[in-house]
Amino acid sequence: MDAFEALADPVRRDLLRRLAASPARVVDLAAEYPISRPAISKHLRLLTEADLVIATARGRERHYELARDGMAPVHEYLDGLRVSGPPIPEHLLDGLDLEVRRTTRERRTERTDHQEDTA
């Protein structure tokens, strides 16, 4: 299972959010959800297979923590969707700058003409 498949399930996304805060045991995680402990274990196994979670055996218990490097494919995908550079092309900003300067110049001229007419 890859990271995208693992993230498709809302329970697994929530487990990742929870593990981002701190590592936890299966029993602690199961207590926080309205589903069975074996179901939580299955979700954790799938997250481990997707390299999103690291399981460490400590005696008879397994402790789970977020594998932050496992999110790299997701980050790379999202980075690829981002637009590089300004959201408005530079040449359009140049045209806007020219129009602002022209309008400012015209208003100054109108004010000067108006002041001369009233004087």
Protein backbone atom coordinates (compact mmCIF):
# COMPACT_ATOMS: atom_id res chain seq x y z
CA MET A 1 0.00 0.00 0.00
CA ASP A 2 1.32 3.45 -0.84
CA ALA A 3 0.88 6.65 1.15
CA PHE A 4 -2.03 7.87 -0.98
CA GLU A 5 -4.03 4.68 -0.46
CA ALA A 6 -3.30 4.81 3.26
CA LEU A 7 -4.46 8.43 3.47
CA ALA A 8 -7.72 7.63 1.70
CA ASP A 9 -9.28 6.36 4.93
CA PRO A 10 -10.44 8.99 7.47
CA VAL A 11 -9.57 6.78 10.47
CA ARG A 12 -6.00 6.35 9.22
CA ARG A 13 -5.69 10.10 8.56
CA ASP A 14 -6.87 10.74 12.10
CA LEU A 15 -4.44 8.17 13.50
CA LEU A 16 -1.60 9.97 11.72
CA ARG A 17 -2.77 13.28 13.17
CA ARG A 18 -2.82 11.70 16.62
CA LEU A 19 0.63 10.12 16.21
CA ALA A 20 2.06 13.43 14.97
CA ALA A 21 1.44 14.76 18.47
CA SER A 22 3.18 11.88 20.26
CA PRO A 23 3.90 8.13 19.97
CA ALA A 24 1.28 5.81 21.43
CA ARG A 25 0.46 2.19 22.18
CA VAL A 26 -2.33 0.35 20.37
CA VAL A 27 -4.35 0.11 23.57
CA ASP A 28 -4.17 3.90 24.06
CA LEU A 29 -5.15 4.59 20.47
CA ALA A 30 -8.03 2.10 20.58
CA ALA A 31 -9.43 3.83 23.67
CA GLU A 32 -9.77 7.05 21.63
CA TYR A 33 -11.89 5.53 18.84
CA PRO A 34 -15.32 3.92 18.71
CA ILE A 35 -13.93 0.92 16.80
CA SER A 36 -12.36 -2.28 18.09
CA ARG A 37 -8.73 -2.70 19.04
CA PRO A 38 -8.17 -5.27 16.24
CA ALA A 39 -9.55 -2.72 13.74
CA ILE A 40 -7.10 -0.07 15.04
CA SER A 41 -4.30 -2.64 14.80
CA LYS A 42 -5.23 -3.32 11.17
CA HIS A 43 -5.20 0.40 10.34
CA LEU A 44 -1.80 0.74 12.04
CA ARG A 45 -0.47 -2.26 10.12
CA LEU A 46 -1.54 -0.64 6.83
CA LEU A 47 0.04 2.66 7.85
CA THR A 48 3.24 0.76 8.67
CA GLU A 49 3.19 -0.98 5.28
CA ALA A 50 2.83 2.45 3.65
CA ASP A 51 5.92 3.66 5.59
CA LEU A 52 3.87 6.33 7.36
CA VAL A 53 4.18 4.80 10.83
CA ILE A 54 7.02 3.08 12.66
CA ALA A 55 6.17 0.24 15.05
CA THR A 56 8.56 -0.56 17.88
CA ALA A 57 8.15 -3.63 20.08
CA ARG A 58 8.68 -2.98 23.78
CA GLY A 59 8.09 -6.18 25.65
CA ARG A 60 4.60 -7.40 24.82
CA GLU A 61 3.47 -3.99 23.59
CA ARG A 62 3.93 -2.25 20.28
CA HIS A 63 4.48 1.47 20.25
CA TYR A 64 3.67 3.48 17.14
CA GLU A 65 5.05 6.79 16.00
CA LEU A 66 4.72 8.90 12.89
CA ALA A 67 7.36 8.29 10.21
CA ARG A 68 7.66 11.85 8.94
CA ASP A 69 9.85 10.81 6.00
CA GLY A 70 7.02 8.57 4.79
CA MET A 71 5.04 11.65 3.81
CA ALA A 72 7.71 12.64 1.23
CA PRO A 73 5.75 11.28 -1.79
CA VAL A 74 2.68 13.26 -0.70
CA HIS A 75 4.72 16.43 -0.19
CA GLU A 76 6.37 15.99 -3.60
CA TYR A 77 3.00 15.52 -5.27
CA LEU A 78 1.54 18.62 -3.60
CA ASP A 79 4.67 20.66 -4.40
CA GLY A 80 4.22 19.68 -8.05
CA LEU A 81 0.74 21.17 -8.01
CA ARG A 82 1.91 24.52 -6.72
CA VAL A 83 2.38 27.27 -9.25
CA SER A 84 5.94 28.49 -9.41
CA GLY A 85 6.44 32.20 -9.67
CA PRO A 86 3.87 34.90 -9.12
CA PRO A 87 0.22 33.97 -9.71
CA ILE A 88 -0.01 36.82 -12.23
CA PRO A 89 2.48 36.79 -15.12
CA GLU A 90 5.11 39.53 -14.95
CA HIS A 91 4.17 41.04 -18.31
CA LEU A 92 0.63 41.69 -17.07
CA LEU A 93 1.98 43.47 -14.02
CA ASP A 94 4.10 45.66 -16.32
CA GLY A 95 0.94 46.63 -18.21
CA LEU A 96 -0.82 47.45 -14.95
CA ASP A 97 2.10 49.60 -13.82
CA LEU A 98 1.99 51.51 -17.11
CA GLU A 99 -1.77 52.10 -16.77
CA VAL A 100 -1.43 53.34 -13.17
CA ARG A 101 1.30 55.78 -14.20
CA ARG A 102 -0.78 57.03 -17.15
CA THR A 103 -3.87 57.54 -14.97
CA THR A 104 -1.85 59.34 -12.29
CA ARG A 105 -0.33 61.64 -14.90
CA GLU A 106 -3.77 62.41 -16.39
CA ARG A 107 -5.23 63.24 -12.96
CA ARG A 108 -2.34 65.58 -12.19
CA THR A 109 -2.91 67.32 -15.52
CA GLU A 110 -6.67 67.61 -14.86
CA ARG A 111 -6.03 69.11 -11.40
CA THR A 112 -3.56 71.60 -12.80
CA ASP A 113 -6.01 72.58 -15.56
CA HIS A 114 -8.85 72.90 -13.03
CA GLN A 115 -6.74 75.10 -10.73
CA GLU A 116 -5.82 77.36 -13.64
CA ASP A 117 -9.49 77.69 -14.65
CA THR A 118 -10.57 78.72 -11.13
CA ALA A 119 -7.73 81.20 -10.69
